[in-house]
Protein backbone atom coordinates (compact mmCIF):
# COMPACT_ATOMS: atom_id res chain seq x y z
CA MET A 1 -135.37 -80.41 47.95
CA TRP A 2 -133.18 -82.12 45.36
CA ALA A 3 -134.72 -85.39 44.11
CA GLY A 4 -132.36 -86.32 41.29
CA GLY A 5 -130.98 -85.30 37.95
CA GLU A 6 -128.96 -86.18 34.92
CA LEU A 7 -126.07 -84.65 32.96
CA GLU A 8 -125.34 -85.31 29.28
CA PHE A 9 -122.15 -84.01 27.65
CA PHE A 10 -122.15 -83.56 23.86
CA GLU A 11 -119.21 -81.21 23.17
CA PRO A 12 -116.24 -80.13 25.29
CA LEU A 13 -116.39 -76.69 26.91
CA ARG A 14 -113.38 -74.67 25.80
CA VAL A 15 -111.70 -71.71 27.45
CA GLY A 16 -112.71 -68.54 25.60
CA ASP A 17 -116.02 -69.89 24.25
CA GLU A 18 -119.10 -67.73 24.62
CA MET A 19 -121.73 -69.95 26.23
CA THR A 20 -125.47 -69.55 26.58
CA ARG A 21 -127.58 -71.28 29.22
CA THR A 22 -131.28 -71.75 28.49
CA SER A 23 -133.53 -73.12 31.22
CA ARG A 24 -137.11 -74.32 30.97
CA ILE A 25 -139.60 -76.10 33.17
CA VAL A 26 -140.28 -79.43 31.49
CA ASP A 27 -142.87 -80.93 33.83
CA VAL A 28 -144.83 -80.17 37.00
CA THR A 29 -146.60 -83.03 38.77
CA MET A 30 -148.62 -82.79 41.99
CA LYS A 31 -148.71 -85.83 44.26
CA ASP A 32 -151.39 -86.06 46.93
CA ARG A 33 -150.52 -88.65 49.55
CA GLN A 34 -152.91 -89.94 52.21
CA HIS A 35 -151.95 -88.93 55.77
CA ARG A 36 -148.83 -87.07 54.58
CA LEU A 37 -147.86 -83.76 53.11
CA SER A 38 -148.61 -83.31 49.44
CA CYS A 39 -145.67 -82.66 47.13
CA VAL A 40 -145.03 -80.94 43.83
CA PHE A 41 -142.39 -82.49 41.57
CA VAL A 42 -140.75 -80.05 39.15
CA SER A 43 -138.44 -81.12 36.34
CA VAL A 44 -136.16 -78.38 34.96
CA GLU A 45 -133.94 -78.67 31.88
CA HIS A 46 -130.83 -76.54 31.33
CA LEU A 47 -129.05 -76.41 27.95
CA ILE A 48 -125.53 -75.00 27.63
CA THR A 49 -124.70 -74.05 24.04
CA THR A 50 -121.50 -72.84 22.41
CA PRO A 51 -120.82 -71.68 18.83
CA ARG A 52 -120.46 -75.40 17.95
CA GLY A 53 -123.95 -76.30 19.24
CA THR A 54 -125.30 -77.93 22.40
CA ALA A 55 -122.46 -78.84 24.74
CA LEU A 56 -124.32 -79.90 27.87
CA ARG A 57 -127.85 -80.83 28.91
CA GLU A 58 -128.81 -81.02 32.59
CA ARG A 59 -132.11 -82.21 34.06
CA GLN A 60 -132.93 -81.34 37.67
CA ASP A 61 -135.78 -83.02 39.54
CA ILE A 62 -136.92 -80.92 42.49
CA VAL A 63 -139.51 -81.78 45.17
CA LEU A 64 -141.45 -78.98 46.83
CA PRO A 65 -143.58 -79.95 49.85
CA ARG A 66 -147.04 -78.42 50.07
CA ASP A 67 -148.66 -77.90 53.45
CA VAL A 68 -152.23 -79.17 53.07
CA ASP A 69 -155.02 -78.70 55.59
CA ARG A 70 -157.39 -81.56 54.74
CA GLY A 71 -160.19 -79.90 56.69
CA ARG A 72 -160.47 -77.01 54.24
CA PRO A 73 -160.94 -77.00 50.47
CA ALA A 74 -157.91 -76.01 48.42
CA PRO A 75 -157.96 -72.40 47.23
CA ALA A 76 -159.03 -71.93 43.63
CA TRP A 77 -156.21 -71.36 41.19
CA GLN A 78 -156.22 -67.95 39.55
CA ALA A 79 -154.42 -66.97 36.38
CA PRO A 80 -151.87 -64.18 36.74
CA ARG A 81 -153.28 -60.73 36.03
CA ARG A 82 -150.64 -59.86 33.49
CA ARG A 83 -148.29 -61.91 31.43
CA PRO A 84 -144.77 -62.16 32.92
CA VAL A 85 -142.01 -60.50 30.95
CA ALA A 86 -139.12 -62.72 29.89
CA LYS A 87 -135.90 -61.54 31.45
CA THR A 88 -132.46 -62.11 30.08
CA SER A 89 -129.21 -61.67 31.89
CA ARG A 90 -125.59 -61.94 30.91
CA LYS A 91 -122.56 -62.50 33.09
CA SER A 92 -118.95 -62.52 31.99
CA HIS A 93 -116.15 -64.16 33.95
CA ILE A 94 -112.46 -64.04 33.17
CA ALA A 95 -110.72 -67.13 34.51
CA ASP A 96 -107.40 -66.25 36.09
CA PRO A 97 -105.36 -68.11 38.75
CA VAL A 98 -106.99 -66.14 41.58
CA LEU A 99 -110.50 -67.04 40.42
CA LEU A 100 -109.63 -70.67 39.75
CA PHE A 101 -108.22 -71.25 43.23
CA SER A 102 -110.55 -69.08 45.29
CA VAL A 103 -113.60 -70.26 47.17
CA PHE A 104 -116.78 -69.16 45.43
CA GLY A 105 -119.50 -67.38 47.36
CA ARG A 106 -117.31 -65.30 49.64
């Protein structure tokens, strides 16, 4: 569930620029509330960079509800068995009149 966020613009985004988006989890906070569901608050930062430097910084605050059975102890946390491999992906889009005026997601 979306809880909030913030956008900061540093440089204009220009047509033809190669842009890179880097995302990282900034903070994870668990909230345990009496007589309610517990929640996990996750803060994610996205940086959009161009050849001129950082153009845009976005912070997303996300709330994830946790179903807690107060009658049982919480399961013990276990470290992952192997270290996750960082994945990179690249997508290219050419903006033309059809793309600009179409509905995304169809």
